[in-house]
Amino acid sequence: MDDRSKVIFGNPISRKDYDKAVRSKAKYARKYGDDANADYPVKLVNNRCLYTPLGVRDIRVAEGGGDNGFDTGKGVIVGNIRMGFGHYRISIAMASAAHALGYTPYWMDLNSYPDTTCTKVIGAQNDLYSLGSRLSQRFKLFNKLVWEPMNYEGFRKLSYNASDQKNAELMAPVFANVPKDIPVIGTHVWPAQAALHAGMKHVVNAIPDNWPMALHLAEGGVHTIQTHQSYMGYRVLNGMQGKDVLKPMLADSLYYTGHYVDHELVANLEKDCEARLDRKKNGEPMRFLLTIGGAGAQRELFAAVIRHLLPAVREKRAALYVNVGDYRKVWDELAREVDGLAALSTEHFDNWPETVRFADAAIDGRVEGVHAFYHANIFEAVYCTNLLMRSCDVLATKPSELAFYPVPKLFLKRIGGHERWGAIHSAELGDGTLECEDIPHTLQMLDLLLGEEELFGEMIKAILVNKSIGVYDGAYNVVKIAMGLKNKE
């Protein structure tokens, strides 16, 4: 196993920061054990939500033997974790693109193997991240002094990557019995780093967001990014060691691909945009999709948006989709807080076939009122938004991974400084608003979208132009890069 914490793309890490990285790994090993010598069995199981539409099969680790007949010719592993919903959403885009291109997508969630050190380490860090996200929305001082600086500058440093690389050594054993020549697309850096430490031969690290941070580096793999701004920042490792001029990443370790988007959304983009314009022209209710992120934050902001739109819902000028993911408690609190919400709402709760039927029917049918969605299964919770996007008119979301999707977007206040650049990128492309940093500006933007044709129409035009130049083809391109690495053998 290479020690990837001492030198990162030719840039030496100080002894102090390297020793800190070593201590970090030792701390986790003491707390959760070191299973470096474990020989975990693997088996393949059809994903209960994504197998039928996308052919996705789960790689189960440490659950006993079973079917492990990997397709080593056309298989591609999507390595991921749940940390918020964004990384799962990127994974779904990769699986969708792989399936559309004729490949077999395998889903490998490193945060789903409770008997392994890998999952215990990731779970502990994920719990901290979720807590920080929620606290940042409740306490302005915590957000200003801790959360924003950590997400904006703390994760940006090479020293942070050194610690992550050392910790990722504890995650490698889950790959012990996975065929080493199947390409791996990591949609979070830890699966990419773990795969490299485990000796996987063809690793692509699909980097999220639009703010270059050393957190996302997995040296030894090919890195892909969604924006040209990110390409420039990563290529020179901009600001990742203070004001030092660093040795750059090698040209063949970094590629611009475009946005990571599901095949189903890209393939139907023109049809869906035409339907949006027709609904606006014909005076049908304008459909707003509100989606709560995987940390369960921003409930108060959602309440304000819903409260503001309810009069238009009653007048059939607006309709609402509200996806609370796997946070049933969030919906219950919203229904109590917002007068009249419950009476106007149809609940689509934990009935996946019914949710799929509604999403399909809404593409060409008429929608009125409020439709609330909750699913305890994480795949259903995330994929629900993807299905509803085709028939919605405006997606109201924080500028996280959804900032890169080809649907008109109203950007709510960010959670973490790195997210601001997603909104900036989308506004520059023309397919989303500026980030609305407080409730009054959010409501102003709602009224503009609902009350006039110009702003909404300009977003639709921009989406069509972006599609024509390949902006939304990133998932296809990442899969092609991954399979291309294998085909070079």
Protein backbone atom coordinates (compact mmCIF):
# COMPACT_ATOMS: atom_id res chain seq x y z
CA MET A 1 0.00 0.00 0.00
CA ASP A 2 1.51 3.32 -1.09
CA ASP A 3 1.80 6.06 1.51
CA ARG A 4 -0.16 8.79 -0.24
CA SER A 5 -0.04 11.16 2.74
CA LYS A 6 3.61 12.24 2.50
CA VAL A 7 3.64 13.78 -0.97
CA ILE A 8 0.58 14.90 -2.95
CA PHE A 9 1.10 15.50 -6.66
CA GLY A 10 4.77 16.20 -6.02
CA ASN A 11 4.09 18.57 -3.11
CA PRO A 12 5.65 17.42 0.19
CA ILE A 13 3.49 17.45 3.30
CA SER A 14 5.13 18.90 6.40
CA ARG A 15 6.28 16.50 9.09
CA LYS A 16 3.80 18.07 11.49
CA ASP A 17 0.83 17.52 9.16
CA TYR A 18 1.99 14.01 8.25
CA ASP A 19 2.29 13.04 11.92
CA LYS A 20 -1.20 14.45 12.48
CA ALA A 21 -2.51 12.23 9.67
CA VAL A 22 -0.84 9.18 11.20
CA ARG A 23 -2.38 9.97 14.59
CA SER A 24 -5.80 10.34 12.98
CA LYS A 25 -5.63 6.84 11.53
CA ALA A 26 -4.34 5.43 14.80
CA LYS A 27 -7.20 7.04 16.71
CA TYR A 28 -9.81 5.43 14.44
CA ALA A 29 -8.01 2.10 14.54
CA ARG A 30 -8.03 2.12 18.34
CA LYS A 31 -11.71 2.99 18.43
CA TYR A 32 -13.00 0.76 15.62
CA GLY A 33 -10.26 -1.80 15.05
CA ASP A 34 -8.00 -2.45 12.06
CA ASP A 35 -9.31 -5.22 9.80
CA ALA A 36 -6.48 -5.01 7.25
CA ASN A 37 -6.11 -8.80 7.30
CA ALA A 38 -9.83 -9.57 6.99
CA ASP A 39 -11.02 -11.64 4.04
CA TYR A 40 -14.56 -10.32 3.64
CA PRO A 41 -16.84 -12.33 1.34
CA VAL A 42 -18.85 -10.44 -1.27
CA LYS A 43 -22.12 -11.14 -3.01
CA LEU A 44 -24.28 -9.39 -5.59
CA VAL A 45 -27.92 -8.53 -4.92
CA ASN A 46 -30.38 -6.71 -7.16
CA ASN A 47 -30.97 -3.20 -5.83
CA ARG A 48 -34.62 -3.12 -4.81
CA CYS A 49 -35.20 0.40 -6.12
CA LEU A 50 -32.74 0.85 -8.98
CA TYR A 51 -32.47 -2.63 -10.52
CA THR A 52 -35.66 -2.41 -12.59
CA PRO A 53 -35.04 1.03 -14.16
CA LEU A 54 -31.24 1.04 -14.26
CA GLY A 55 -30.02 -2.55 -13.83
CA VAL A 56 -28.15 -1.68 -10.62
CA ARG A 57 -26.82 -4.52 -8.47
CA ASP A 58 -25.51 -3.98 -4.94
CA ILE A 59 -22.13 -5.28 -3.85
CA ARG A 60 -22.70 -6.61 -0.35
CA VAL A 61 -19.62 -7.10 1.83
CA ALA A 62 -19.22 -9.23 4.96
CA GLU A 63 -22.72 -10.68 4.74
CA GLY A 64 -21.78 -14.25 3.85
CA GLY A 65 -21.06 -15.78 0.47
CA GLY A 66 -23.41 -15.78 -2.48
CA ASP A 67 -23.64 -14.72 -6.10
CA ASN A 68 -20.38 -13.02 -7.00
CA GLY A 69 -20.54 -13.51 -10.75
CA PHE A 70 -19.20 -10.09 -11.68
CA ASP A 71 -19.37 -9.07 -15.32
CA THR A 72 -15.68 -8.31 -15.71
CA GLY A 73 -16.14 -7.29 -19.32
CA LYS A 74 -18.94 -4.74 -19.04
CA GLY A 75 -19.18 -4.14 -15.30
CA VAL A 76 -18.46 -0.78 -13.69
CA ILE A 77 -18.50 -0.15 -9.95
CA VAL A 78 -20.02 3.04 -8.59
CA GLY A 79 -18.29 3.53 -5.26
CA ASN A 80 -20.08 5.86 -2.88
CA ILE A 81 -21.16 6.75 0.62
CA ARG A 82 -24.17 8.47 2.06
CA MET A 83 -23.04 11.91 3.20
CA GLY A 84 -26.04 14.03 2.47
CA PHE A 85 -27.97 13.03 -0.65
CA GLY A 86 -25.61 14.60 -3.20
CA HIS A 87 -23.13 11.75 -3.49
CA TYR A 88 -25.92 9.20 -3.88
CA ARG A 89 -27.43 11.44 -6.56
CA ILE A 90 -24.16 11.53 -8.50
CA SER A 91 -23.99 7.74 -8.17
CA ILE A 92 -27.47 7.37 -9.63
CA ALA A 93 -26.43 9.57 -12.57
CA MET A 94 -23.38 7.36 -13.18
CA ALA A 95 -25.44 4.17 -12.95
CA SER A 96 -28.03 5.61 -15.31
CA ALA A 97 -25.41 6.61 -17.86
CA ALA A 98 -23.64 3.25 -17.60
CA HIS A 99 -26.91 1.40 -18.14
CA ALA A 100 -27.77 3.59 -21.14
CA LEU A 101 -24.33 2.91 -22.65
CA GLY A 102 -24.77 -0.85 -22.31
CA TYR A 103 -22.70 -1.48 -19.19
CA THR A 104 -23.57 -3.24 -15.92
CA PRO A 105 -23.59 -0.84 -12.94
CA TYR A 106 -22.59 -2.20 -9.51
CA TRP A 107 -23.40 -0.13 -6.42
CA MET A 108 -20.80 -0.22 -3.65
CA ASP A 109 -21.71 1.91 -0.64
CA LEU A 110 -18.79 1.92 1.80
CA ASN A 111 -21.11 3.24 4.50
CA SER A 112 -23.36 0.15 4.42
CA TYR A 113 -21.14 -2.61 5.86
CA PRO A 114 -21.67 -2.30 9.63
CA ASP A 115 -19.29 -5.11 10.58
CA THR A 116 -16.30 -3.42 8.93
CA THR A 117 -13.90 -0.77 10.17
CA CYS A 118 -14.56 1.08 6.92
CA THR A 119 -18.21 1.73 7.65
CA LYS A 120 -17.60 2.54 11.30
CA VAL A 121 -15.05 5.23 10.37
CA ILE A 122 -17.25 6.71 7.64
CA GLY A 123 -20.35 6.57 9.82
CA ALA A 124 -18.66 8.50 12.60
CA GLN A 125 -17.59 11.25 10.21
CA ASN A 126 -20.97 11.31 8.48
CA ASP A 127 -22.74 11.78 11.81
CA LEU A 128 -20.51 14.77 12.56
CA TYR A 129 -21.16 16.27 9.12
CA SER A 130 -24.94 15.90 9.46
CA LEU A 131 -24.86 17.44 12.93
CA GLY A 132 -22.78 20.35 11.67
CA SER A 133 -25.20 20.96 8.79
CA ARG A 134 -28.18 21.12 11.11
CA LEU A 135 -26.41 23.32 13.68
CA SER A 136 -25.31 25.72 10.96
CA GLN A 137 -28.97 26.41 10.15
CA ARG A 138 -29.94 26.94 13.78
CA PHE A 139 -27.03 29.02 15.08
CA LYS A 140 -25.71 31.88 12.95
CA LEU A 141 -22.54 32.27 15.02
CA PHE A 142 -21.65 28.56 14.64
CA ASN A 143 -22.24 28.86 10.91
CA LYS A 144 -20.07 31.98 10.61
CA LEU A 145 -17.19 30.91 12.84
CA VAL A 146 -17.09 27.15 12.30
CA TRP A 147 -19.16 25.66 9.50
CA GLU A 148 -18.60 28.12 6.64
CA PRO A 149 -14.82 28.37 7.23
CA MET A 150 -14.46 24.59 7.51
CA ASN A 151 -16.39 23.91 4.29
CA TYR A 152 -14.74 26.75 2.43
CA GLU A 153 -11.11 26.82 3.54
CA GLY A 154 -10.52 23.95 5.97
CA PHE A 155 -11.34 21.23 3.44
CA ARG A 156 -9.30 23.13 0.84
CA LYS A 157 -5.89 22.36 2.36
CA LEU A 158 -3.48 19.64 1.26
CA SER A 159 -2.99 18.81 4.93
CA TYR A 160 -6.65 17.76 5.12
CA ASN A 161 -6.16 15.45 2.16
CA ALA A 162 -3.15 13.90 3.88
CA SER A 163 -5.30 12.92 6.86
CA ASP A 164 -8.09 11.61 4.64
CA GLN A 165 -5.65 9.48 2.68
CA LYS A 166 -4.31 7.94 5.86
CA ASN A 167 -7.81 7.26 7.19
CA ALA A 168 -8.81 5.73 3.85
CA GLU A 169 -6.21 3.00 4.39
CA LEU A 170 -8.64 1.63 6.97
CA MET A 171 -11.36 1.44 4.30
CA ALA A 172 -9.43 -0.64 1.76
CA PRO A 173 -10.25 -4.14 3.14
CA VAL A 174 -13.84 -4.05 1.83
CA PHE A 175 -12.39 -4.40 -1.69
CA ALA A 176 -10.48 -7.58 -0.82
CA ASN A 177 -12.66 -9.92 -2.90
CA VAL A 178 -13.81 -7.48 -5.57
CA PRO A 179 -12.20 -8.19 -9.00
CA LYS A 180 -9.37 -5.69 -9.34
CA ASP A 181 -9.78 -5.02 -13.05
CA ILE A 182 -13.39 -3.73 -12.90
CA PRO A 183 -13.37 0.06 -13.25
CA VAL A 184 -14.42 2.04 -10.17
CA ILE A 185 -16.12 5.44 -10.31
CA GLY A 186 -15.90 7.04 -6.88
CA THR A 187 -18.62 9.62 -6.30
CA HIS A 188 -17.02 10.59 -3.01
CA VAL A 189 -13.29 10.76 -2.53
CA TRP A 190 -13.13 8.08 0.17
CA PRO A 191 -14.31 5.22 -2.08
CA ALA A 192 -11.83 6.41 -4.71
CA GLN A 193 -8.98 6.57 -2.19
CA ALA A 194 -9.95 3.22 -0.63
CA ALA A 195 -10.11 1.57 -4.06
CA LEU A 196 -6.62 2.81 -4.89
CA HIS A 197 -5.22 1.63 -1.56
CA ALA A 198 -6.86 -1.75 -2.22
CA GLY A 199 -5.15 -2.14 -5.59
CA MET A 200 -8.11 -1.52 -7.90
CA LYS A 201 -6.54 -0.91 -11.30
CA HIS A 202 -8.89 1.60 -12.93
CA VAL A 203 -10.22 4.33 -10.63
CA VAL A 204 -12.06 7.50 -11.59
CA ASN A 205 -12.72 10.09 -8.90
CA ALA A 206 -15.86 12.05 -9.88
CA ILE A 207 -15.48 15.33 -8.01
CA PRO A 208 -18.65 17.21 -6.95
CA ASP A 209 -19.33 20.93 -6.51
CA ASN A 210 -17.61 23.90 -8.12
CA TRP A 211 -15.10 24.91 -5.45
CA PRO A 212 -11.68 23.22 -5.72
CA MET A 213 -10.67 21.58 -2.43
CA ALA A 214 -7.84 19.18 -1.61
CA LEU A 215 -10.44 17.13 0.26
CA HIS A 216 -11.46 15.72 -3.13
CA LEU A 217 -8.03 14.52 -4.31
CA ALA A 218 -7.36 10.81 -4.85
CA GLU A 219 -3.90 10.70 -6.38
CA GLY A 220 -3.38 7.64 -8.52
CA GLY A 221 -6.83 7.87 -10.08
CA VAL A 222 -8.25 9.99 -12.87
CA HIS A 223 -10.16 13.03 -11.58
CA THR A 224 -13.22 14.41 -13.36
CA ILE A 225 -14.89 17.76 -12.78
CA GLN A 226 -18.10 19.42 -13.96
CA THR A 227 -16.97 23.01 -14.64
CA HIS A 228 -14.11 24.81 -16.34
CA GLN A 229 -13.60 26.97 -13.25
CA SER A 230 -12.96 23.84 -11.22
CA TYR A 231 -10.60 22.50 -13.86
CA MET A 232 -8.40 25.57 -13.55
CA GLY A 233 -8.45 25.49 -9.75
CA TYR A 234 -7.65 21.80 -9.45
CA ARG A 235 -5.01 21.81 -12.18
CA VAL A 236 -2.80 24.22 -10.22
CA LEU A 237 -4.09 23.15 -6.77
CA ASN A 238 -5.09 26.75 -6.26
CA GLY A 239 -4.88 27.97 -2.64
CA MET A 240 -4.43 24.48 -1.26
CA GLN A 241 -1.32 25.40 0.68
CA GLY A 242 -1.88 29.04 1.53
CA LYS A 243 -0.30 31.37 -1.02
CA ASP A 244 2.34 28.83 -2.08
CA VAL A 245 2.70 28.08 -5.77
CA LEU A 246 2.34 24.31 -5.93
CA LYS A 247 3.36 21.71 -8.46
CA PRO A 248 0.31 21.17 -10.67
CA MET A 249 -1.67 18.03 -11.26
CA LEU A 250 -0.57 16.11 -14.34
CA ALA A 251 -2.65 16.74 -17.46
CA ASP A 252 -3.79 13.11 -17.73
CA SER A 253 -5.04 13.05 -14.13
CA LEU A 254 -7.79 15.64 -14.59
CA TYR A 255 -10.62 15.95 -17.13
CA TYR A 256 -13.54 18.30 -17.64
CA THR A 257 -16.65 16.24 -18.40
CA GLY A 258 -19.69 18.47 -17.95
CA HIS A 259 -22.48 17.99 -15.42
CA TYR A 260 -23.27 14.60 -13.91
CA VAL A 261 -26.91 14.06 -14.94
CA ASP A 262 -29.12 10.97 -15.36
CA HIS A 263 -29.61 9.66 -18.89
CA GLU A 264 -33.40 9.83 -18.52
CA LEU A 265 -33.29 13.57 -17.82
CA VAL A 266 -30.86 14.36 -20.63
CA ALA A 267 -32.59 12.19 -23.23
CA ASN A 268 -35.99 13.79 -22.56
CA LEU A 269 -34.77 17.34 -21.99
CA GLU A 270 -36.28 18.99 -25.07
CA LYS A 271 -39.67 17.33 -24.57
CA ASP A 272 -39.79 18.27 -20.89
CA CYS A 273 -38.80 21.90 -21.56
CA GLU A 274 -41.49 22.19 -24.23
CA ALA A 275 -44.07 20.89 -21.74
CA ARG A 276 -42.94 23.50 -19.19
CA LEU A 277 -43.42 26.32 -21.68
CA ASP A 278 -46.83 24.96 -22.70
CA ARG A 279 -48.01 24.83 -19.09
CA LYS A 280 -46.91 28.42 -18.55
CA LYS A 281 -48.60 29.58 -21.76
CA ASN A 282 -51.83 27.74 -20.97
CA GLY A 283 -52.08 29.05 -17.40
CA GLU A 284 -51.75 25.65 -15.73
CA PRO A 285 -50.48 25.54 -12.13
CA MET A 286 -46.73 26.17 -12.04
CA ARG A 287 -45.09 23.19 -10.40
CA PHE A 288 -42.48 23.85 -7.71
CA LEU A 289 -40.39 20.93 -6.45
CA LEU A 290 -38.96 21.46 -2.95
CA THR A 291 -36.43 18.90 -1.83
CA ILE A 292 -34.91 18.53 1.62
CA GLY A 293 -31.26 17.46 1.61
CA GLY A 294 -29.78 14.41 3.28
CA ALA A 295 -28.84 16.28 6.45
CA GLY A 296 -32.47 17.22 7.07
CA ALA A 297 -31.69 20.92 7.48
CA GLN A 298 -33.58 24.05 6.26
CA ARG A 299 -37.03 23.11 7.54
CA GLU A 300 -37.72 26.71 8.63
CA LEU A 301 -36.91 28.02 5.15
CA PHE A 302 -39.15 25.40 3.58
CA ALA A 303 -42.00 26.47 5.84
CA ALA A 304 -41.65 30.07 4.66
CA VAL A 305 -41.64 29.06 0.99
CA ILE A 306 -44.66 26.79 1.38
CA ARG A 307 -46.60 29.37 3.40
CA HIS A 308 -45.96 31.97 0.69
CA LEU A 309 -47.10 29.69 -2.13
CA LEU A 310 -50.24 28.24 -0.55
CA PRO A 311 -52.54 31.09 -1.71
CA ALA A 312 -51.39 30.45 -5.30
CA VAL A 313 -51.95 26.73 -4.79
CA ARG A 314 -55.53 27.38 -3.67
CA GLU A 315 -56.05 29.60 -6.73
CA LYS A 316 -54.57 26.87 -8.96
CA ARG A 317 -51.77 29.13 -10.13
CA ALA A 318 -49.17 26.91 -8.44
CA ALA A 319 -48.72 23.28 -7.40
CA LEU A 320 -46.16 21.87 -4.99
CA TYR A 321 -44.09 18.72 -4.79
CA VAL A 322 -42.41 18.43 -1.38
CA ASN A 323 -39.87 15.62 -1.01
CA VAL A 324 -38.66 15.27 2.57
CA GLY A 325 -36.51 12.28 1.65
CA ASP A 326 -36.27 9.85 4.56
CA TYR A 327 -37.13 12.51 7.15
CA ARG A 328 -40.79 11.87 8.01
CA LYS A 329 -40.40 14.10 11.06
CA VAL A 330 -39.71 17.10 8.82
CA TRP A 331 -43.04 16.70 7.05
CA ASP A 332 -44.93 16.26 10.31
CA GLU A 333 -43.40 19.48 11.63
CA LEU A 334 -44.20 21.37 8.41
CA ALA A 335 -47.80 20.15 8.46
CA ARG A 336 -48.19 21.42 12.04
CA GLU A 337 -46.49 24.77 11.44
CA VAL A 338 -48.02 25.85 8.12
CA ASP A 339 -51.74 26.56 8.42
CA GLY A 340 -53.76 24.81 5.75
CA LEU A 341 -50.91 22.67 4.41
CA ALA A 342 -52.27 19.33 5.59
CA ALA A 343 -55.72 19.97 4.13
CA LEU A 344 -54.30 20.73 0.67
CA SER A 345 -51.84 17.83 0.65
CA THR A 346 -51.84 14.35 -0.80
CA GLU A 347 -49.29 12.18 0.98
CA HIS A 348 -47.25 9.70 -1.06
CA PHE A 349 -45.56 7.92 1.83
CA ASP A 350 -43.47 4.78 1.63
CA ASN A 351 -45.28 3.39 -1.40
CA TRP A 352 -42.67 3.33 -4.13
CA PRO A 353 -44.81 1.85 -6.93
CA GLU A 354 -47.41 4.56 -6.32
CA THR A 355 -44.73 7.27 -6.35
CA VAL A 356 -43.40 6.00 -9.67
CA ARG A 357 -46.93 5.95 -11.12
CA PHE A 358 -47.54 9.53 -9.99
CA ALA A 359 -44.22 10.75 -11.44
CA ASP A 360 -44.89 9.06 -14.78
CA ALA A 361 -48.47 10.36 -15.02
CA ALA A 362 -47.41 13.92 -14.12
CA ILE A 363 -45.12 14.19 -17.16
CA ASP A 364 -48.08 14.57 -19.52
CA GLY A 365 -50.96 15.02 -17.05
CA ARG A 366 -52.32 17.90 -14.99
CA VAL A 367 -51.21 18.40 -11.37
CA GLU A 368 -52.91 20.48 -8.69
CA GLY A 369 -52.51 20.94 -4.95
CA VAL A 370 -49.62 19.81 -2.75
CA HIS A 371 -48.02 16.40 -3.07
CA ALA A 372 -45.75 15.26 -0.24
CA PHE A 373 -43.23 12.44 -0.62
CA TYR A 374 -41.47 10.44 2.08
CA HIS A 375 -39.61 7.13 1.72
CA ALA A 376 -37.72 5.33 4.47
CA ASN A 377 -35.52 3.57 1.92
CA ILE A 378 -32.60 5.85 1.08
CA PHE A 379 -32.59 4.98 -2.63
CA GLU A 380 -36.28 5.80 -2.96
CA ALA A 381 -35.81 8.99 -0.91
CA VAL A 382 -33.13 10.27 -3.29
CA TYR A 383 -34.43 8.92 -6.59
CA CYS A 384 -37.89 10.36 -5.94
CA THR A 385 -36.51 13.84 -6.70
CA ASN A 386 -34.93 12.60 -9.93
CA LEU A 387 -38.27 11.19 -11.10
CA LEU A 388 -40.21 14.33 -10.15
CA MET A 389 -37.74 16.63 -11.89
CA ARG A 390 -39.02 15.68 -15.33
CA SER A 391 -42.50 17.04 -14.63
CA CYS A 392 -41.65 19.99 -12.38
CA ASP A 393 -41.32 23.55 -13.64
CA VAL A 394 -39.00 24.95 -10.97
CA LEU A 395 -36.71 23.12 -8.56
CA ALA A 396 -36.22 24.97 -5.25
CA THR A 397 -33.03 23.72 -3.64
CA LYS A 398 -29.85 24.73 -1.92
CA PRO A 399 -27.00 25.00 -4.46
CA SER A 400 -25.57 21.53 -3.86
CA GLU A 401 -25.35 18.76 -6.46
CA LEU A 402 -28.82 19.63 -7.75
CA ALA A 403 -27.32 22.91 -9.00
CA PHE A 404 -26.01 20.98 -12.00
CA TYR A 405 -29.33 19.49 -13.16
CA PRO A 406 -31.11 20.68 -16.36
CA VAL A 407 -34.25 22.16 -14.85
CA PRO A 408 -35.04 25.79 -13.92
CA LYS A 409 -33.77 26.29 -10.38
CA LEU A 410 -34.49 28.67 -7.53
CA PHE A 411 -31.51 28.56 -5.19
CA LEU A 412 -32.17 28.68 -1.47
CA LYS A 413 -29.49 29.66 1.03
CA ARG A 414 -26.47 27.38 0.97
CA ILE A 415 -25.32 25.02 3.72
CA GLY A 416 -21.52 25.37 3.71
CA GLY A 417 -19.42 27.94 1.87
CA HIS A 418 -18.39 25.59 -0.92
CA GLU A 419 -21.99 25.45 -2.20
CA ARG A 420 -22.12 29.12 -3.18
CA TRP A 421 -20.10 28.35 -6.30
CA GLY A 422 -22.75 25.95 -7.56
CA ALA A 423 -25.27 28.78 -7.65
CA ILE A 424 -22.77 31.14 -9.27
CA HIS A 425 -22.04 28.59 -11.99
CA SER A 426 -25.74 27.93 -12.65
CA ALA A 427 -26.60 31.63 -12.79
CA GLU A 428 -23.78 32.19 -15.28
CA LEU A 429 -25.07 29.33 -17.43
CA GLY A 430 -28.55 30.81 -17.15
CA ASP A 431 -30.38 27.73 -15.88
CA GLY A 432 -30.77 28.90 -12.26
CA THR A 433 -31.22 31.98 -10.11
CA LEU A 434 -28.72 33.71 -7.90
CA GLU A 435 -28.48 32.23 -4.41
CA CYS A 436 -31.24 33.78 -2.30
CA GLU A 437 -29.46 34.31 1.00
CA ASP A 438 -32.51 35.18 3.07
CA ILE A 439 -36.25 34.61 3.10
CA PRO A 440 -37.32 37.99 1.61
CA HIS A 441 -35.13 37.50 -1.47
CA THR A 442 -36.36 33.92 -1.81
CA LEU A 443 -39.97 35.08 -1.83
CA GLN A 444 -39.16 37.82 -4.32
CA MET A 445 -37.75 35.23 -6.71
CA LEU A 446 -40.78 33.00 -6.23
CA ASP A 447 -43.05 35.87 -7.23
CA LEU A 448 -40.97 36.65 -10.32
CA LEU A 449 -41.06 33.05 -11.51
CA LEU A 450 -44.76 32.69 -10.81
CA GLY A 451 -45.92 36.08 -12.02
CA GLU A 452 -44.07 36.61 -15.30
CA GLU A 453 -42.86 34.65 -18.32
CA GLU A 454 -39.51 36.32 -19.00
CA LEU A 455 -37.25 34.93 -16.26
CA PHE A 456 -38.62 31.42 -16.56
CA GLY A 457 -38.44 31.54 -20.35
CA GLU A 458 -34.81 32.66 -20.30
CA MET A 459 -33.91 29.67 -18.11
CA ILE A 460 -35.58 27.28 -20.55
CA LYS A 461 -33.68 28.84 -23.46
CA ALA A 462 -30.41 28.48 -21.56
CA ILE A 463 -31.08 24.82 -20.75
CA LEU A 464 -31.65 24.06 -24.43
CA VAL A 465 -28.46 25.86 -25.44
CA ASN A 466 -26.48 24.08 -22.72
CA LYS A 467 -27.81 20.72 -23.91
CA SER A 468 -26.74 21.48 -27.49
CA ILE A 469 -23.11 22.00 -26.44
CA GLY A 470 -22.87 18.98 -24.15
CA VAL A 471 -22.95 20.72 -20.77
CA TYR A 472 -25.16 17.97 -19.28
CA ASP A 473 -23.23 14.99 -20.73
CA GLY A 474 -20.86 14.58 -17.79
CA ALA A 475 -22.11 11.20 -16.54
CA TYR A 476 -21.76 9.63 -19.98
CA ASN A 477 -18.26 11.06 -20.27
CA VAL A 478 -17.17 9.77 -16.86
CA VAL A 479 -18.34 6.25 -17.68
CA LYS A 480 -16.53 6.39 -21.02
CA ILE A 481 -13.33 7.50 -19.27
CA ALA A 482 -13.62 4.67 -16.73
CA MET A 483 -14.16 2.00 -19.37
CA GLY A 484 -11.44 3.57 -21.50
CA LEU A 485 -8.92 3.00 -18.71
CA LYS A 486 -9.76 -0.71 -18.78
CA ASN A 487 -9.64 -0.90 -22.56
CA LYS A 488 -6.09 0.49 -22.58
CA GLU A 489 -4.86 -2.78 -21.06
